[in-house]
Amino acid sequence: MKHRLLSVAAMSGFIAVALGAFAAHGLKKVTSPELISIFNLAVEYQFYHTFALIALAFAANWLCPKLINWAAIFFITGMVLFSGSLYLYALIGQKWLGPITPIGGVCLLIGWAIFATAAWRKPVSKDQI
């Protein structure tokens, strides 16, 4: 699980850098500053949660693996829904994507709550990992 989570985090980081560069260099010619700002917000949140996935992968050495797995699932789902809907909105301008964004935000919040719960609980012994 830990190596897979690090792989997902690395891919997410790669994608975030690529999309950030696209926003900085490619979007200026084709869309408004407001939509570029929305796109950049998506990149920013993807980066935050990429680092959260890295933290989860390392925390899995000491914290409850089931909770770490659930936190990762919610972070990944949240990134796809939150950042993904903002990327699409900024690129195609369809307002129907708007309601998807807060669902992704709620998934991110749930991921943080689960991560906090895992950290609050008694650390896992090496025998349980």
C-alpha atoms as a PDB file:
ATOM      1  CA  MET A   1       0.000   0.000   0.000  1.00  0.00           C
ATOM      2  CA  LYS A   2       2.701   2.481   0.988  1.00  0.00           C
ATOM      3  CA  HIS A   3       4.611   2.169  -2.272  1.00  0.00           C
ATOM      4  CA  ARG A   4       1.397   2.454  -4.297  1.00  0.00           C
ATOM      5  CA  LEU A   5       0.365   5.537  -2.373  1.00  0.00           C
ATOM      6  CA  LEU A   6       3.764   7.122  -3.004  1.00  0.00           C
ATOM      7  CA  SER A   7       3.400   6.268  -6.707  1.00  0.00           C
ATOM      8  CA  VAL A   8      -0.026   7.913  -6.840  1.00  0.00           C
ATOM      9  CA  ALA A   9       1.367  10.952  -5.013  1.00  0.00           C
ATOM     10  CA  ALA A  10       4.286  11.180  -7.453  1.00  0.00           C
ATOM     11  CA  MET A  11       1.933  10.998 -10.442  1.00  0.00           C
ATOM     12  CA  SER A  12      -0.326  13.618  -8.885  1.00  0.00           C
ATOM     13  CA  GLY A  13       2.656  15.900  -8.296  1.00  0.00           C
ATOM     14  CA  PHE A  14       3.792  15.427 -11.891  1.00  0.00           C
ATOM     15  CA  ILE A  15       0.320  16.264 -13.196  1.00  0.00           C
ATOM     16  CA  ALA A  16       0.049  19.303 -10.911  1.00  0.00           C
ATOM     17  CA  VAL A  17       3.385  20.688 -12.151  1.00  0.00           C
ATOM     18  CA  ALA A  18       2.392  20.077 -15.773  1.00  0.00           C
ATOM     19  CA  LEU A  19      -1.014  21.723 -15.314  1.00  0.00           C
ATOM     20  CA  GLY A  20       0.540  24.639 -13.432  1.00  0.00           C
ATOM     21  CA  ALA A  21       2.943  25.203 -16.326  1.00  0.00           C
ATOM     22  CA  PHE A  22       0.050  24.937 -18.775  1.00  0.00           C
ATOM     23  CA  ALA A  23      -1.846  27.584 -16.802  1.00  0.00           C
ATOM     24  CA  ALA A  24       1.167  29.882 -16.707  1.00  0.00           C
ATOM     25  CA  HIS A  25       2.073  29.579 -20.368  1.00  0.00           C
ATOM     26  CA  GLY A  26      -0.813  28.175 -22.391  1.00  0.00           C
ATOM     27  CA  LEU A  27      -4.044  29.424 -20.869  1.00  0.00           C
ATOM     28  CA  LYS A  28      -3.255  33.152 -21.047  1.00  0.00           C
ATOM     29  CA  LYS A  29      -3.895  33.130 -24.778  1.00  0.00           C
ATOM     30  CA  VAL A  30      -7.216  31.307 -24.697  1.00  0.00           C
ATOM     31  CA  THR A  31      -9.153  32.241 -21.555  1.00  0.00           C
ATOM     32  CA  SER A  32      -9.918  35.008 -19.085  1.00  0.00           C
ATOM     33  CA  PRO A  33      -7.855  35.912 -15.999  1.00  0.00           C
ATOM     34  CA  GLU A  34     -10.801  34.810 -13.820  1.00  0.00           C
ATOM     35  CA  LEU A  35     -10.773  31.299 -15.299  1.00  0.00           C
ATOM     36  CA  ILE A  36      -6.979  31.131 -15.027  1.00  0.00           C
ATOM     37  CA  SER A  37      -7.350  31.985 -11.342  1.00  0.00           C
ATOM     38  CA  ILE A  38      -9.841  29.121 -10.925  1.00  0.00           C
ATOM     39  CA  PHE A  39      -7.476  26.764 -12.744  1.00  0.00           C
ATOM     40  CA  ASN A  40      -4.594  27.839 -10.491  1.00  0.00           C
ATOM     41  CA  LEU A  41      -6.748  27.202  -7.406  1.00  0.00           C
ATOM     42  CA  ALA A  42      -7.261  23.637  -8.637  1.00  0.00           C
ATOM     43  CA  VAL A  43      -3.496  23.225  -9.095  1.00  0.00           C
ATOM     44  CA  GLU A  44      -2.880  24.604  -5.604  1.00  0.00           C
ATOM     45  CA  TYR A  45      -5.309  22.188  -3.942  1.00  0.00           C
ATOM     46  CA  GLN A  46      -3.934  19.286  -5.939  1.00  0.00           C
ATOM     47  CA  PHE A  47      -0.452  20.142  -4.659  1.00  0.00           C
ATOM     48  CA  TYR A  48      -1.630  20.381  -1.042  1.00  0.00           C
ATOM     49  CA  HIS A  49      -3.232  16.987  -1.224  1.00  0.00           C
ATOM     50  CA  THR A  50      -0.330  15.449  -3.118  1.00  0.00           C
ATOM     51  CA  PHE A  51       1.792  16.268  -0.073  1.00  0.00           C
ATOM     52  CA  ALA A  52      -0.971  14.907   2.157  1.00  0.00           C
ATOM     53  CA  LEU A  53      -0.758  11.588   0.275  1.00  0.00           C
ATOM     54  CA  ILE A  54       2.999  11.526   0.848  1.00  0.00           C
ATOM     55  CA  ALA A  55       2.414  12.165   4.553  1.00  0.00           C
ATOM     56  CA  LEU A  56      -0.124   9.326   4.656  1.00  0.00           C
ATOM     57  CA  ALA A  57       2.309   6.929   3.015  1.00  0.00           C
ATOM     58  CA  PHE A  58       4.916   7.606   5.692  1.00  0.00           C
ATOM     59  CA  ALA A  59       2.371   7.738   8.526  1.00  0.00           C
ATOM     60  CA  ALA A  60       1.227   4.255   7.540  1.00  0.00           C
ATOM     61  CA  ASN A  61       4.351   2.975   9.330  1.00  0.00           C
ATOM     62  CA  TRP A  62       2.894   4.047  12.690  1.00  0.00           C
ATOM     63  CA  LEU A  63      -0.836   4.605  12.309  1.00  0.00           C
ATOM     64  CA  CYS A  64      -3.822   2.341  11.716  1.00  0.00           C
ATOM     65  CA  PRO A  65      -3.521   1.070   8.121  1.00  0.00           C
ATOM     66  CA  LYS A  66      -7.297   0.908   7.602  1.00  0.00           C
ATOM     67  CA  LEU A  67      -7.726   4.555   8.559  1.00  0.00           C
ATOM     68  CA  ILE A  68      -4.759   5.564   6.417  1.00  0.00           C
ATOM     69  CA  ASN A  69      -6.302   3.711   3.459  1.00  0.00           C
ATOM     70  CA  TRP A  70      -9.647   5.455   3.959  1.00  0.00           C
ATOM     71  CA  ALA A  71      -7.990   8.853   4.283  1.00  0.00           C
ATOM     72  CA  ALA A  72      -6.106   8.192   1.034  1.00  0.00           C
ATOM     73  CA  ILE A  73      -9.300   7.152  -0.744  1.00  0.00           C
ATOM     74  CA  PHE A  74     -11.047  10.340   0.346  1.00  0.00           C
ATOM     75  CA  PHE A  75      -8.061  12.538  -0.566  1.00  0.00           C
ATOM     76  CA  ILE A  76      -7.780  11.013  -4.038  1.00  0.00           C
ATOM     77  CA  THR A  77     -11.535  11.175  -4.636  1.00  0.00           C
ATOM     78  CA  GLY A  78     -11.571  14.748  -3.361  1.00  0.00           C
ATOM     79  CA  MET A  79      -8.710  15.780  -5.635  1.00  0.00           C
ATOM     80  CA  VAL A  80     -10.408  14.272  -8.669  1.00  0.00           C
ATOM     81  CA  LEU A  81     -13.778  15.875  -7.891  1.00  0.00           C
ATOM     82  CA  PHE A  82     -12.577  19.231  -6.499  1.00  0.00           C
ATOM     83  CA  SER A  83      -9.577  19.986  -8.692  1.00  0.00           C
ATOM     84  CA  GLY A  84     -10.921  18.038 -11.655  1.00  0.00           C
ATOM     85  CA  SER A  85     -14.190  19.963 -11.758  1.00  0.00           C
ATOM     86  CA  LEU A  86     -12.318  23.272 -11.474  1.00  0.00           C
ATOM     87  CA  TYR A  87      -9.925  22.280 -14.279  1.00  0.00           C
ATOM     88  CA  LEU A  88     -12.837  21.383 -16.524  1.00  0.00           C
ATOM     89  CA  TYR A  89     -14.789  24.510 -15.614  1.00  0.00           C
ATOM     90  CA  ALA A  90     -11.783  26.717 -16.390  1.00  0.00           C
ATOM     91  CA  LEU A  91     -11.194  24.953 -19.708  1.00  0.00           C
ATOM     92  CA  ILE A  92     -14.724  24.539 -21.040  1.00  0.00           C
ATOM     93  CA  GLY A  93     -16.674  27.063 -18.955  1.00  0.00           C
ATOM     94  CA  GLN A  94     -19.648  24.803 -18.237  1.00  0.00           C
ATOM     95  CA  LYS A  95     -21.471  25.974 -15.121  1.00  0.00           C
ATOM     96  CA  TRP A  96     -23.084  22.559 -14.515  1.00  0.00           C
ATOM     97  CA  LEU A  97     -19.689  21.471 -13.131  1.00  0.00           C
ATOM     98  CA  GLY A  98     -20.120  23.870 -10.192  1.00  0.00           C
ATOM     99  CA  PRO A  99     -22.032  21.485  -7.892  1.00  0.00           C
ATOM    100  CA  ILE A 100     -19.319  18.818  -8.211  1.00  0.00           C
ATOM    101  CA  THR A 101     -16.651  21.038  -6.637  1.00  0.00           C
ATOM    102  CA  PRO A 102     -18.110  21.165  -3.100  1.00  0.00           C
ATOM    103  CA  ILE A 103     -18.594  17.386  -3.108  1.00  0.00           C
ATOM    104  CA  GLY A 104     -14.872  17.102  -3.743  1.00  0.00           C
ATOM    105  CA  GLY A 105     -14.215  19.619  -0.973  1.00  0.00           C
ATOM    106  CA  VAL A 106     -16.249  17.541   1.461  1.00  0.00           C
ATOM    107  CA  CYS A 107     -14.240  14.449   0.479  1.00  0.00           C
ATOM    108  CA  LEU A 108     -11.026  16.361   1.215  1.00  0.00           C
ATOM    109  CA  LEU A 109     -12.375  17.403   4.615  1.00  0.00           C
ATOM    110  CA  ILE A 110     -13.368  13.823   5.416  1.00  0.00           C
ATOM    111  CA  GLY A 111      -9.868  12.691   4.440  1.00  0.00           C
ATOM    112  CA  TRP A 112      -8.333  15.191   6.872  1.00  0.00           C
ATOM    113  CA  ALA A 113     -10.740  14.127   9.625  1.00  0.00           C
ATOM    114  CA  ILE A 114      -9.829  10.470   9.128  1.00  0.00           C
ATOM    115  CA  PHE A 115      -6.122  11.318   9.093  1.00  0.00           C
ATOM    116  CA  ALA A 116      -6.552  13.262  12.347  1.00  0.00           C
ATOM    117  CA  THR A 117      -8.435  10.331  13.878  1.00  0.00           C
ATOM    118  CA  ALA A 118      -5.649   7.948  12.874  1.00  0.00           C
ATOM    119  CA  ALA A 119      -3.061  10.261  14.426  1.00  0.00           C
ATOM    120  CA  TRP A 120      -5.108  10.661  17.618  1.00  0.00           C
ATOM    121  CA  ARG A 121      -5.451   6.930  18.182  1.00  0.00           C
ATOM    122  CA  LYS A 122      -2.813   4.794  19.806  1.00  0.00           C
ATOM    123  CA  PRO A 123       0.097   4.131  17.415  1.00  0.00           C
ATOM    124  CA  VAL A 124       0.164   0.709  15.793  1.00  0.00           C
ATOM    125  CA  SER A 125       2.864  -1.686  16.964  1.00  0.00           C
ATOM    126  CA  LYS A 126       5.233  -3.186  14.402  1.00  0.00           C
ATOM    127  CA  ASP A 127       3.482  -6.544  14.873  1.00  0.00           C
ATOM    128  CA  GLN A 128       0.217  -5.112  13.507  1.00  0.00           C
ATOM    129  CA  ILE A 129       1.661  -3.628  10.313  1.00  0.00           C
END
